[in-house]
Amino acid sequence: MLVAITKIFIFLCVLIVPLRGPSRRREDKNSLPESAMVYSKYGINEYGDLELMDKDQKH
């Protein structure tokens, strides 16, 4: 009887639980608006170089 309960417990722990996957959805850290703001800080100057743009220089 104890052997049967142990086998069922091992079956549940080893086979069933890992197949369920994560129960909660993880938050996406690199969401589109945040990443777009990071890239919008940079621009190309009149010489063709990449530089950090000021808010006044953005068009």
Protein backbone atom coordinates (compact mmCIF):
# COMPACT_ATOMS: atom_id res chain seq x y z
CA MET A 1 0.00 0.00 0.00
CA LEU A 2 2.77 2.41 0.92
CA VAL A 3 4.66 1.49 -2.26
CA ALA A 4 1.60 2.29 -4.39
CA ILE A 5 1.17 5.70 -2.73
CA THR A 6 4.87 6.44 -3.22
CA LYS A 7 4.66 5.52 -6.91
CA ILE A 8 1.64 7.77 -7.42
CA PHE A 9 3.40 10.64 -5.63
CA ILE A 10 6.52 10.23 -7.78
CA PHE A 11 4.36 10.05 -10.91
CA LEU A 12 2.61 13.29 -10.00
CA CYS A 13 5.78 15.14 -9.06
CA VAL A 14 7.98 13.99 -11.93
CA LEU A 15 5.58 13.74 -14.86
CA ILE A 16 2.47 15.85 -14.29
CA VAL A 17 3.78 18.99 -12.55
CA PRO A 18 6.53 19.89 -15.09
CA LEU A 19 4.12 19.41 -18.00
CA ARG A 20 1.73 22.03 -16.60
CA GLY A 21 4.13 24.89 -17.26
CA PRO A 22 4.15 28.26 -15.51
CA SER A 23 0.88 29.12 -13.81
CA ARG A 24 1.31 32.91 -14.07
CA ARG A 25 2.10 34.94 -17.13
CA ARG A 26 5.35 36.84 -16.72
CA GLU A 27 5.46 40.57 -17.37
CA ASP A 28 7.23 41.53 -20.58
CA LYS A 29 10.10 43.80 -19.53
CA ASN A 30 10.85 45.03 -23.05
CA SER A 31 7.45 46.36 -23.98
CA LEU A 32 7.16 48.26 -27.25
CA PRO A 33 6.59 51.84 -25.96
CA GLU A 34 9.50 51.67 -23.52
CA SER A 35 11.93 50.30 -26.11
CA ALA A 36 10.73 52.85 -28.67
CA MET A 37 11.55 55.65 -26.26
CA VAL A 38 15.10 54.35 -25.80
CA TYR A 39 15.77 54.34 -29.53
CA SER A 40 14.09 57.70 -30.13
CA LYS A 41 16.80 59.47 -28.12
CA TYR A 42 19.31 58.95 -30.93
CA GLY A 43 19.49 60.66 -34.30
CA ILE A 44 21.81 61.40 -37.23
CA ASN A 45 23.42 64.82 -37.38
CA GLU A 46 24.32 66.81 -40.51
CA TYR A 47 27.65 64.97 -40.80
CA GLY A 48 26.01 61.53 -40.83
CA ASP A 49 27.15 60.60 -37.33
CA LEU A 50 24.92 58.97 -34.74
CA GLU A 51 24.44 61.19 -31.70
CA LEU A 52 22.20 61.68 -28.71
CA MET A 53 19.53 64.17 -29.74
CA ASP A 54 18.06 66.87 -27.51
CA LYS A 55 14.31 67.34 -27.23
CA ASP A 56 14.62 70.62 -29.14
CA GLN A 57 16.31 68.99 -32.14
CA LYS A 58 13.68 66.25 -32.69
CA HIS A 59 11.47 66.79 -35.71
